[in-house]
Amino acid sequence: MSLLPERLRVQLGLEVEKPQTQLQELQEALSCSALTYEERLIGFGLCFGAGALLSLTSLFSFARLMRGYPRDFAVKYTLGNLIAICSTAFLVGPRKQVANMMHERRWLTVTVWCGAMVLTLTSALCVKEAGVTFICILVQFTAGVWYGLSYIPYGQGACIGGLKSAISRLTGYPTAAGAG
C-alpha cells in the first residue's frame, strides 16, 4: 500500500489509470464537476433563457388556447418550464437540485407542479380538451410560482399576506391578516 494517493501516482507515471466503470462515468457526468464556474453560469443562463423564451412565446398561442386549440400553448409553456427548472442544475448539480426539490418544504409543491405538467400535456395532446388544459396550466403556473417563492426567505408568507390583504380590500371583509 502506497502513501501517495492513486490520482497522484497516475499523474507521476508511477501507475496506470484504471478505466472507469459506466456507473462512475455517469456519476461524473451528472455532477457537472468538469465544468468551470464560468461554464456553469453560461449553461445556466442559456438554459434558463431558452426556457423563459419558450414560455413567453407560448403567449402567442394563447388566443388559440381560448378558441379550443390548447396544444401549441400547452407544449411550449410546459417545455419552457421544464427547461428553465433544469437550468439550475448547472449551478448546483443535478443531484443537489433533486435534493433541494425534495426538501420537506418543497416536495409537495414539486409533486403538484410535475403532476400538473404531465396532466397539461396529456389533456392537450391526448384528451384535447381546452378547458381541462387551461385548468392544468393554471395549476402548473401557481405551483411554479409557489416553488420559486420557497427559495425566497418569507416569500410564501408575504404572498399569503398580500393575497389576504387584496381579498379583504376587494370584499370589504377583514381577513385574519387584516383583523385586529
N, C-alpha and C. Protein backbone atom coordinates (compact mmCIF):
# COMPACT_ATOMS: atom_id res chain seq x y z
N MET A 1 0.84 -1.17 0.00
CA MET A 1 0.00 0.00 0.00
C MET A 1 0.89 1.24 0.00
N SER A 2 0.62 2.14 -0.93
CA SER A 2 1.43 3.33 -1.09
C SER A 2 0.84 4.48 -0.29
N LEU A 3 1.73 5.38 0.12
CA LEU A 3 1.30 6.55 0.86
C LEU A 3 0.77 7.64 -0.07
N LEU A 4 1.10 7.56 -1.37
CA LEU A 4 0.63 8.55 -2.34
C LEU A 4 -0.79 8.21 -2.80
N PRO A 5 -1.64 9.20 -2.92
CA PRO A 5 -2.98 8.94 -3.45
C PRO A 5 -2.91 8.41 -4.89
N GLU A 6 -3.89 7.61 -5.26
CA GLU A 6 -3.90 6.98 -6.57
C GLU A 6 -3.81 8.00 -7.70
N ARG A 7 -4.53 9.09 -7.59
CA ARG A 7 -4.55 10.11 -8.65
C ARG A 7 -3.15 10.70 -8.85
N LEU A 8 -2.42 10.94 -7.75
CA LEU A 8 -1.07 11.49 -7.83
C LEU A 8 -0.11 10.47 -8.44
N ARG A 9 -0.25 9.20 -8.07
CA ARG A 9 0.61 8.14 -8.64
C ARG A 9 0.40 8.05 -10.15
N VAL A 10 -0.84 8.21 -10.62
CA VAL A 10 -1.14 8.16 -12.05
C VAL A 10 -0.51 9.36 -12.74
N GLN A 11 -0.62 10.55 -12.15
CA GLN A 11 -0.07 11.76 -12.76
C GLN A 11 1.45 11.73 -12.82
N LEU A 12 2.08 11.09 -11.85
CA LEU A 12 3.53 10.98 -11.84
C LEU A 12 4.03 9.86 -12.76
N GLY A 13 3.12 9.08 -13.29
CA GLY A 13 3.50 7.99 -14.18
C GLY A 13 3.94 6.74 -13.45
N LEU A 14 3.67 6.67 -12.16
CA LEU A 14 4.05 5.52 -11.37
C LEU A 14 3.05 4.38 -11.48
N GLU A 15 1.87 4.71 -11.98
CA GLU A 15 0.79 3.73 -12.07
C GLU A 15 -0.07 4.07 -13.28
N VAL A 16 -0.66 3.06 -13.87
CA VAL A 16 -1.57 3.26 -15.00
C VAL A 16 -2.97 3.51 -14.45
N GLU A 17 -3.67 4.49 -15.06
CA GLU A 17 -5.02 4.82 -14.62
C GLU A 17 -5.97 3.68 -14.92
N LYS A 18 -6.77 3.33 -13.92
CA LYS A 18 -7.75 2.27 -14.09
C LYS A 18 -8.94 2.84 -14.88
N PRO A 19 -9.47 2.07 -15.82
CA PRO A 19 -10.64 2.57 -16.57
C PRO A 19 -11.84 2.69 -15.64
N GLN A 20 -12.64 3.71 -15.90
CA GLN A 20 -13.83 3.93 -15.09
C GLN A 20 -14.93 2.98 -15.53
N THR A 21 -15.74 2.61 -14.55
CA THR A 21 -16.93 1.82 -14.88
C THR A 21 -17.97 2.77 -15.47
N GLN A 22 -18.98 2.21 -16.08
CA GLN A 22 -20.03 3.04 -16.66
C GLN A 22 -20.75 3.85 -15.58
N LEU A 23 -20.91 3.26 -14.41
CA LEU A 23 -21.56 3.97 -13.31
C LEU A 23 -20.71 5.16 -12.88
N GLN A 24 -19.40 4.97 -12.77
CA GLN A 24 -18.52 6.07 -12.40
C GLN A 24 -18.54 7.18 -13.44
N GLU A 25 -18.57 6.82 -14.72
CA GLU A 25 -18.63 7.81 -15.79
C GLU A 25 -19.93 8.59 -15.72
N LEU A 26 -21.04 7.90 -15.46
CA LEU A 26 -22.35 8.55 -15.35
C LEU A 26 -22.38 9.50 -14.15
N GLN A 27 -21.83 9.06 -13.00
CA GLN A 27 -21.81 9.91 -11.82
C GLN A 27 -20.98 11.17 -12.06
N GLU A 28 -19.85 11.02 -12.74
CA GLU A 28 -19.01 12.17 -13.04
C GLU A 28 -19.72 13.14 -13.99
N ALA A 29 -20.40 12.59 -14.98
CA ALA A 29 -21.12 13.43 -15.94
C ALA A 29 -22.26 14.18 -15.26
N LEU A 30 -22.97 13.52 -14.33
CA LEU A 30 -24.09 14.15 -13.65
C LEU A 30 -23.69 15.15 -12.59
N SER A 31 -22.44 15.14 -12.17
CA SER A 31 -22.02 16.04 -11.09
C SER A 31 -21.68 17.44 -11.62
N CYS A 32 -21.49 17.60 -12.91
CA CYS A 32 -21.10 18.87 -13.51
C CYS A 32 -19.75 19.34 -12.97
N SER A 33 -18.99 18.46 -12.33
CA SER A 33 -17.73 18.86 -11.72
C SER A 33 -16.67 19.22 -12.75
N ALA A 34 -16.83 18.75 -13.97
CA ALA A 34 -15.84 19.05 -15.00
C ALA A 34 -16.00 20.47 -15.55
N LEU A 35 -17.12 21.12 -15.24
CA LEU A 35 -17.37 22.47 -15.75
C LEU A 35 -16.76 23.52 -14.82
N THR A 36 -16.20 24.58 -15.42
CA THR A 36 -15.71 25.69 -14.62
C THR A 36 -16.91 26.51 -14.13
N TYR A 37 -16.66 27.40 -13.20
CA TYR A 37 -17.73 28.26 -12.68
C TYR A 37 -18.33 29.09 -13.81
N GLU A 38 -17.47 29.61 -14.67
CA GLU A 38 -17.95 30.41 -15.80
C GLU A 38 -18.82 29.58 -16.75
N GLU A 39 -18.39 28.35 -17.03
CA GLU A 39 -19.17 27.47 -17.90
C GLU A 39 -20.53 27.13 -17.28
N ARG A 40 -20.54 26.97 -15.96
CA ARG A 40 -21.81 26.70 -15.28
C ARG A 40 -22.76 27.88 -15.41
N LEU A 41 -22.23 29.10 -15.23
CA LEU A 41 -23.06 30.30 -15.36
C LEU A 41 -23.58 30.45 -16.78
N ILE A 42 -22.73 30.17 -17.76
CA ILE A 42 -23.16 30.26 -19.16
C ILE A 42 -24.24 29.21 -19.43
N GLY A 43 -24.03 27.99 -18.97
CA GLY A 43 -25.02 26.93 -19.15
C GLY A 43 -26.34 27.29 -18.51
N PHE A 44 -26.26 27.82 -17.28
CA PHE A 44 -27.48 28.24 -16.59
C PHE A 44 -28.18 29.34 -17.38
N GLY A 45 -27.44 30.35 -17.77
CA GLY A 45 -28.03 31.48 -18.49
C GLY A 45 -28.68 31.08 -19.79
N LEU A 46 -27.98 30.25 -20.56
CA LEU A 46 -28.53 29.80 -21.85
C LEU A 46 -29.77 28.93 -21.66
N CYS A 47 -29.69 28.00 -20.72
CA CYS A 47 -30.80 27.08 -20.48
C CYS A 47 -32.01 27.83 -19.92
N PHE A 48 -31.77 28.69 -18.93
CA PHE A 48 -32.86 29.45 -18.34
C PHE A 48 -33.47 30.39 -19.37
N GLY A 49 -32.60 31.05 -20.14
CA GLY A 49 -33.08 31.96 -21.18
C GLY A 49 -33.93 31.25 -22.22
N ALA A 50 -33.49 30.06 -22.64
CA ALA A 50 -34.26 29.29 -23.63
C ALA A 50 -35.61 28.88 -23.05
N GLY A 51 -35.62 28.44 -21.80
CA GLY A 51 -36.87 28.05 -21.15
C GLY A 51 -37.83 29.22 -20.99
N ALA A 52 -37.29 30.35 -20.55
CA ALA A 52 -38.13 31.54 -20.37
C ALA A 52 -38.65 32.02 -21.72
N LEU A 53 -37.80 32.01 -22.73
CA LEU A 53 -38.22 32.45 -24.07
C LEU A 53 -39.31 31.54 -24.62
N LEU A 54 -39.15 30.24 -24.43
CA LEU A 54 -40.16 29.30 -24.90
C LEU A 54 -41.49 29.51 -24.17
N SER A 55 -41.42 29.73 -22.86
CA SER A 55 -42.65 30.00 -22.10
C SER A 55 -43.30 31.30 -22.57
N LEU A 56 -42.48 32.32 -22.81
CA LEU A 56 -43.03 33.60 -23.28
C LEU A 56 -43.65 33.48 -24.67
N THR A 57 -43.01 32.72 -25.55
CA THR A 57 -43.57 32.58 -26.90
C THR A 57 -44.87 31.78 -26.89
N SER A 58 -45.10 31.06 -25.80
CA SER A 58 -46.38 30.34 -25.70
C SER A 58 -47.55 31.33 -25.67
N LEU A 59 -47.29 32.53 -25.22
CA LEU A 59 -48.35 33.54 -25.16
C LEU A 59 -48.90 33.88 -26.55
N PHE A 60 -48.08 33.68 -27.58
CA PHE A 60 -48.57 33.91 -28.94
C PHE A 60 -49.65 32.89 -29.31
N SER A 61 -49.69 31.78 -28.59
CA SER A 61 -50.69 30.74 -28.84
C SER A 61 -51.87 30.81 -27.88
N PHE A 62 -51.89 31.82 -27.01
CA PHE A 62 -52.94 31.92 -26.00
C PHE A 62 -54.32 32.06 -26.63
N ALA A 63 -54.43 32.84 -27.68
CA ALA A 63 -55.73 33.01 -28.34
C ALA A 63 -56.24 31.67 -28.88
N ARG A 64 -55.33 30.87 -29.43
CA ARG A 64 -55.73 29.54 -29.92
C ARG A 64 -56.20 28.66 -28.77
N LEU A 65 -55.55 28.78 -27.61
CA LEU A 65 -55.98 28.02 -26.43
C LEU A 65 -57.42 28.42 -26.07
N MET A 66 -57.69 29.71 -26.07
CA MET A 66 -59.03 30.20 -25.71
C MET A 66 -60.09 29.80 -26.75
N ARG A 67 -59.66 29.56 -28.00
CA ARG A 67 -60.60 29.12 -29.04
C ARG A 67 -60.77 27.60 -29.06
N GLY A 68 -60.09 26.90 -28.14
CA GLY A 68 -60.28 25.45 -28.06
C GLY A 68 -59.16 24.62 -28.66
N TYR A 69 -58.02 25.25 -28.98
CA TYR A 69 -56.87 24.53 -29.54
C TYR A 69 -55.68 24.68 -28.58
N PRO A 70 -55.60 23.83 -27.57
CA PRO A 70 -54.62 24.03 -26.49
C PRO A 70 -53.21 23.53 -26.77
N ARG A 71 -53.02 22.73 -27.81
CA ARG A 71 -51.76 22.02 -27.99
C ARG A 71 -50.53 22.94 -28.00
N ASP A 72 -50.50 23.93 -28.86
CA ASP A 72 -49.31 24.76 -29.01
C ASP A 72 -48.94 25.47 -27.70
N PHE A 73 -49.94 26.09 -27.08
CA PHE A 73 -49.67 26.80 -25.83
C PHE A 73 -49.17 25.84 -24.77
N ALA A 74 -49.86 24.72 -24.59
CA ALA A 74 -49.53 23.77 -23.52
C ALA A 74 -48.12 23.20 -23.69
N VAL A 75 -47.77 22.84 -24.92
CA VAL A 75 -46.45 22.24 -25.16
C VAL A 75 -45.35 23.27 -24.93
N LYS A 76 -45.49 24.46 -25.50
CA LYS A 76 -44.45 25.49 -25.33
C LYS A 76 -44.30 25.90 -23.87
N TYR A 77 -45.42 26.15 -23.21
CA TYR A 77 -45.38 26.60 -21.83
C TYR A 77 -44.75 25.54 -20.92
N THR A 78 -45.18 24.29 -21.07
CA THR A 78 -44.67 23.22 -20.22
C THR A 78 -43.20 22.93 -20.49
N LEU A 79 -42.80 22.84 -21.76
CA LEU A 79 -41.39 22.60 -22.06
C LEU A 79 -40.52 23.76 -21.59
N GLY A 80 -41.04 24.98 -21.71
CA GLY A 80 -40.31 26.14 -21.20
C GLY A 80 -40.07 26.03 -19.71
N ASN A 81 -41.09 25.62 -18.97
CA ASN A 81 -40.94 25.42 -17.53
C ASN A 81 -39.90 24.35 -17.22
N LEU A 82 -39.97 23.24 -17.93
CA LEU A 82 -39.02 22.14 -17.69
C LEU A 82 -37.59 22.56 -17.97
N ILE A 83 -37.38 23.24 -19.08
CA ILE A 83 -36.02 23.68 -19.43
C ILE A 83 -35.52 24.69 -18.40
N ALA A 84 -36.36 25.62 -18.01
CA ALA A 84 -35.95 26.64 -17.03
C ALA A 84 -35.60 26.01 -15.69
N ILE A 85 -36.39 25.06 -15.22
CA ILE A 85 -36.09 24.45 -13.92
C ILE A 85 -34.83 23.59 -13.99
N CYS A 86 -34.59 22.97 -15.13
CA CYS A 86 -33.37 22.18 -15.29
C CYS A 86 -32.12 23.05 -15.34
N SER A 87 -32.28 24.33 -15.65
CA SER A 87 -31.12 25.21 -15.77
C SER A 87 -30.38 25.35 -14.44
N THR A 88 -31.08 25.28 -13.33
CA THR A 88 -30.41 25.45 -12.05
C THR A 88 -29.50 24.27 -11.73
N ALA A 89 -29.66 23.16 -12.43
CA ALA A 89 -28.75 22.03 -12.23
C ALA A 89 -27.33 22.40 -12.64
N PHE A 90 -27.18 23.37 -13.54
CA PHE A 90 -25.84 23.84 -13.90
C PHE A 90 -25.17 24.52 -12.71
N LEU A 91 -25.94 25.15 -11.87
CA LEU A 91 -25.37 25.88 -10.75
C LEU A 91 -25.02 24.97 -9.58
N VAL A 92 -25.91 24.05 -9.25
CA VAL A 92 -25.71 23.22 -8.06
C VAL A 92 -25.46 21.75 -8.37
N GLY A 93 -25.64 21.35 -9.61
CA GLY A 93 -25.50 19.95 -9.99
C GLY A 93 -26.85 19.25 -9.87
N PRO A 94 -27.07 18.25 -10.72
CA PRO A 94 -28.37 17.57 -10.74
C PRO A 94 -28.74 16.89 -9.43
N ARG A 95 -27.77 16.29 -8.78
CA ARG A 95 -28.06 15.56 -7.54
C ARG A 95 -28.53 16.53 -6.45
N LYS A 96 -27.84 17.65 -6.30
CA LYS A 96 -28.22 18.66 -5.32
C LYS A 96 -29.56 19.30 -5.70
N GLN A 97 -29.77 19.47 -7.00
CA GLN A 97 -31.04 20.04 -7.48
C GLN A 97 -32.22 19.17 -7.03
N VAL A 98 -32.09 17.86 -7.24
CA VAL A 98 -33.16 16.94 -6.85
C VAL A 98 -33.32 16.94 -5.33
N ALA A 99 -32.20 16.97 -4.60
CA ALA A 99 -32.28 17.02 -3.14
C ALA A 99 -33.00 18.29 -2.68
N ASN A 100 -32.71 19.43 -3.32
CA ASN A 100 -33.40 20.68 -2.98
C ASN A 100 -34.89 20.59 -3.28
N MET A 101 -35.21 19.98 -4.39
CA MET A 101 -36.62 19.86 -4.78
C MET A 101 -37.38 18.93 -3.84
N MET A 102 -36.71 17.96 -3.26
CA MET A 102 -37.36 17.00 -2.38
C MET A 102 -37.30 17.43 -0.91
N HIS A 103 -36.81 18.65 -0.66
CA HIS A 103 -36.78 19.18 0.70
C HIS A 103 -38.19 19.16 1.29
N GLU A 104 -38.30 19.00 2.59
CA GLU A 104 -39.62 18.86 3.22
C GLU A 104 -40.54 20.04 2.96
N ARG A 105 -39.99 21.24 2.69
CA ARG A 105 -40.81 22.40 2.39
C ARG A 105 -41.23 22.48 0.93
N ARG A 106 -40.61 21.64 0.06
CA ARG A 106 -40.87 21.78 -1.37
C ARG A 106 -41.44 20.54 -2.04
N TRP A 107 -41.31 19.38 -1.47
CA TRP A 107 -41.65 18.15 -2.19
C TRP A 107 -43.11 18.13 -2.65
N LEU A 108 -44.02 18.62 -1.82
CA LEU A 108 -45.43 18.61 -2.21
C LEU A 108 -45.68 19.55 -3.39
N THR A 109 -45.09 20.75 -3.33
CA THR A 109 -45.22 21.70 -4.43
C THR A 109 -44.63 21.14 -5.71
N VAL A 110 -43.47 20.52 -5.61
CA VAL A 110 -42.82 19.92 -6.78
C VAL A 110 -43.68 18.81 -7.36
N THR A 111 -44.27 18.00 -6.49
CA THR A 111 -45.13 16.90 -6.94
C THR A 111 -46.35 17.45 -7.69
N VAL A 112 -46.97 18.49 -7.13
CA VAL A 112 -48.12 19.11 -7.78
C VAL A 112 -47.69 19.73 -9.10
N TRP A 113 -46.55 20.41 -9.11
CA TRP A 113 -46.06 21.09 -10.31
C TRP A 113 -45.78 20.07 -11.43
N CYS A 114 -45.05 19.03 -11.09
CA CYS A 114 -44.73 18.00 -12.10
C CYS A 114 -46.00 17.28 -12.57
N GLY A 115 -46.89 16.99 -11.62
CA GLY A 115 -48.16 16.36 -11.98
C GLY A 115 -48.97 17.24 -12.91
N ALA A 116 -48.97 18.56 -12.63
CA ALA A 116 -49.70 19.49 -13.49
C ALA A 116 -49.08 19.54 -14.89
N MET A 117 -47.76 19.44 -14.96
CA MET A 117 -47.10 19.43 -16.28
C MET A 117 -47.53 18.20 -17.08
N VAL A 118 -47.50 17.06 -16.43
CA VAL A 118 -47.91 15.82 -17.10
C VAL A 118 -49.37 15.90 -17.53
N LEU A 119 -50.23 16.37 -16.62
CA LEU A 119 -51.66 16.49 -16.95
C LEU A 119 -51.91 17.54 -18.04
N THR A 120 -51.13 18.61 -18.04
CA THR A 120 -51.27 19.63 -19.08
C THR A 120 -51.00 19.02 -20.45
N LEU A 121 -49.88 18.31 -20.55
CA LEU A 121 -49.53 17.69 -21.84
C LEU A 121 -50.52 16.60 -22.22
N THR A 122 -50.94 15.82 -21.23
CA THR A 122 -51.90 14.76 -21.52
C THR A 122 -53.23 15.33 -21.99
N SER A 123 -53.71 16.35 -21.30
CA SER A 123 -55.00 16.92 -21.70
C SER A 123 -54.92 17.64 -23.03
N ALA A 124 -53.77 18.23 -23.34
CA ALA A 124 -53.63 18.97 -24.60
C ALA A 124 -53.38 18.04 -25.79
N LEU A 125 -52.60 16.98 -25.59
CA LEU A 125 -52.19 16.12 -26.70
C LEU A 125 -53.08 14.90 -26.89
N CYS A 126 -53.60 14.36 -25.79
CA CYS A 126 -54.39 13.13 -25.89
C CYS A 126 -55.89 13.40 -25.77
N VAL A 127 -56.28 14.08 -24.69
CA VAL A 127 -57.69 14.35 -24.45
C VAL A 127 -58.19 15.48 -25.36
N LYS A 128 -57.32 16.44 -25.63
CA LYS A 128 -57.61 17.59 -26.49
C LYS A 128 -58.81 18.38 -26.01
N GLU A 129 -58.82 18.61 -24.69
CA GLU A 129 -59.91 19.36 -24.07
C GLU A 129 -59.32 20.67 -23.55
N ALA A 130 -59.68 21.78 -24.18
CA ALA A 130 -59.10 23.08 -23.86
C ALA A 130 -59.40 23.51 -22.43
N GLY A 131 -60.60 23.28 -21.93
CA GLY A 131 -60.95 23.69 -20.58
C GLY A 131 -60.11 22.99 -19.53
N VAL A 132 -59.95 21.69 -19.68
CA VAL A 132 -59.14 20.91 -18.74
C VAL A 132 -57.68 21.36 -18.84
N THR A 133 -57.22 21.57 -20.08
CA THR A 133 -55.84 22.02 -20.29
C THR A 133 -55.62 23.37 -19.61
N PHE A 134 -56.55 24.28 -19.75
CA PHE A 134 -56.43 25.60 -19.14
C PHE A 134 -56.33 25.50 -17.62
N ILE A 135 -57.15 24.64 -17.02
CA ILE A 135 -57.10 24.44 -15.56
C ILE A 135 -55.73 23.87 -15.16
N CYS A 136 -55.24 22.90 -15.94
CA CYS A 136 -53.93 22.31 -15.65
C CYS A 136 -52.82 23.35 -15.76
N ILE A 137 -52.93 24.24 -16.74
CA ILE A 137 -51.94 25.31 -16.91
C ILE A 137 -51.98 26.26 -15.71
N LEU A 138 -53.17 26.59 -15.23
CA LEU A 138 -53.29 27.46 -14.05
C LEU A 138 -52.65 26.81 -12.82
N VAL A 139 -52.90 25.50 -12.65
CA VAL A 139 -52.29 24.78 -11.52
C VAL A 139 -50.77 24.76 -11.70
N GLN A 140 -50.31 24.51 -12.92
CA GLN A 140 -48.88 24.48 -13.21
C GLN A 140 -48.24 25.83 -12.89
N PHE A 141 -48.87 26.91 -13.33
CA PHE A 141 -48.35 28.26 -13.09
C PHE A 141 -48.29 28.55 -11.59
N THR A 142 -49.38 28.26 -10.88
CA THR A 142 -49.45 28.53 -9.45
C THR A 142 -48.40 27.73 -8.69
N ALA A 143 -48.26 26.45 -9.01
CA ALA A 143 -47.27 25.61 -8.33
C ALA A 143 -45.85 26.08 -8.65
N GLY A 144 -45.61 26.53 -9.87
CA GLY A 144 -44.28 27.03 -10.24
C GLY A 144 -43.93 28.30 -9.48
N VAL A 145 -44.90 29.20 -9.35
CA VAL A 145 -44.68 30.43 -8.57
C VAL A 145 -44.44 30.08 -7.11
N TRP A 146 -45.25 29.19 -6.56
CA TRP A 146 -45.11 28.79 -5.16
C TRP A 146 -43.75 28.14 -4.92
N TYR A 147 -43.30 27.31 -5.87
CA TYR A 147 -41.98 26.68 -5.77
C TYR A 147 -40.89 27.75 -5.77
N GLY A 148 -40.98 28.70 -6.67
CA GLY A 148 -39.99 29.78 -6.72
C GLY A 148 -39.97 30.59 -5.43
N LEU A 149 -41.16 30.86 -4.87
CA LEU A 149 -41.23 31.62 -3.62
C LEU A 149 -40.61 30.87 -2.45
N SER A 150 -40.54 29.54 -2.54
CA SER A 150 -39.96 28.76 -1.44
C SER A 150 -38.47 29.01 -1.28
N TYR A 151 -37.82 29.58 -2.28
CA TYR A 151 -36.40 29.89 -2.21
C TYR A 151 -36.15 31.30 -1.68
N ILE A 152 -37.19 32.10 -1.57
CA ILE A 152 -37.06 33.47 -1.08
C ILE A 152 -37.46 33.49 0.39
N PRO A 153 -36.57 33.96 1.28
CA PRO A 153 -36.94 33.99 2.69
C PRO A 153 -38.26 34.77 2.90
N TYR A 154 -39.18 34.14 3.55
CA TYR A 154 -40.52 34.68 3.85
C TYR A 154 -41.33 34.95 2.58
N GLY A 155 -40.92 34.41 1.44
CA GLY A 155 -41.61 34.66 0.17
C GLY A 155 -43.04 34.14 0.17
N GLN A 156 -43.23 32.91 0.61
CA GLN A 156 -44.57 32.34 0.62
C GLN A 156 -45.46 33.06 1.64
N GLY A 157 -44.91 33.39 2.79
CA GLY A 157 -45.68 34.10 3.81
C GLY A 157 -46.10 35.49 3.33
N ALA A 158 -45.18 36.18 2.66
CA ALA A 158 -45.51 37.50 2.13
C ALA A 158 -46.59 37.40 1.05
N CYS A 159 -46.52 36.37 0.23
CA CYS A 159 -47.52 36.16 -0.82
C CYS A 159 -48.90 35.92 -0.19
N ILE A 160 -48.96 35.08 0.83
CA ILE A 160 -50.23 34.81 1.51
C ILE A 160 -50.77 36.09 2.14
N GLY A 161 -49.90 36.85 2.79
CA GLY A 161 -50.32 38.10 3.40
C GLY A 161 -50.86 39.08 2.37
N GLY A 162 -50.19 39.17 1.23
CA GLY A 162 -50.65 40.06 0.16
C GLY A 162 -51.98 39.63 -0.41
N LEU A 163 -52.16 38.32 -0.58
CA LEU A 163 -53.44 37.81 -1.08
C LEU A 163 -54.58 38.07 -0.09
N LYS A 164 -54.31 37.86 1.19
CA LYS A 164 -55.33 38.12 2.20
C LYS A 164 -55.72 39.59 2.21
N SER A 165 -54.72 40.45 2.09
CA SER A 165 -54.99 41.89 2.07
C SER A 165 -55.81 42.28 0.85
N ALA A 166 -55.45 41.71 -0.30
CA ALA A 166 -56.19 42.02 -1.54
C ALA A 166 -57.63 41.54 -1.44
N ILE A 167 -57.84 40.35 -0.90
CA ILE A 167 -59.20 39.81 -0.75
C ILE A 167 -60.01 40.69 0.21
N SER A 168 -59.37 41.11 1.28
CA SER A 168 -60.04 41.97 2.25
C SER A 168 -60.47 43.29 1.61
N ARG A 169 -59.61 43.88 0.80
CA ARG A 169 -59.94 45.14 0.14
C ARG A 169 -61.03 44.96 -0.91
N LEU A 170 -60.96 43.85 -1.64
CA LEU A 170 -61.95 43.62 -2.68
C LEU A 170 -63.34 43.32 -2.12
N THR A 171 -63.36 42.57 -1.04
CA THR A 171 -64.65 42.14 -0.49
C THR A 171 -65.17 43.07 0.60
N GLY A 172 -64.28 43.83 1.20
CA GLY A 172 -64.68 44.71 2.30
C GLY A 172 -64.77 43.98 3.64
N TYR A 173 -64.47 42.67 3.63
CA TYR A 173 -64.49 41.90 4.86
C TYR A 173 -63.05 41.70 5.35
N PRO A 174 -62.82 41.91 6.65
CA PRO A 174 -61.46 41.70 7.15
C PRO A 174 -61.12 40.20 7.17
N THR A 175 -59.90 39.89 6.82
CA THR A 175 -59.41 38.51 6.92
C THR A 175 -58.58 38.40 8.19
N ALA A 176 -58.08 37.23 8.46
CA ALA A 176 -57.28 37.03 9.68
C ALA A 176 -56.07 37.96 9.67
N ALA A 177 -55.46 38.20 8.49
CA ALA A 177 -54.31 39.09 8.41
C ALA A 177 -54.73 40.54 8.60
N GLY A 178 -55.95 40.88 8.16
CA GLY A 178 -56.40 42.26 8.26
C GLY A 178 -57.16 42.56 9.53
N ALA A 179 -57.53 41.52 10.30
CA ALA A 179 -58.31 41.73 11.52
C ALA A 179 -57.41 42.25 12.62
N GLY A 180 -57.96 42.95 13.51
CA GLY A 180 -57.16 43.34 14.65
C GLY A 180 -57.44 44.68 15.00
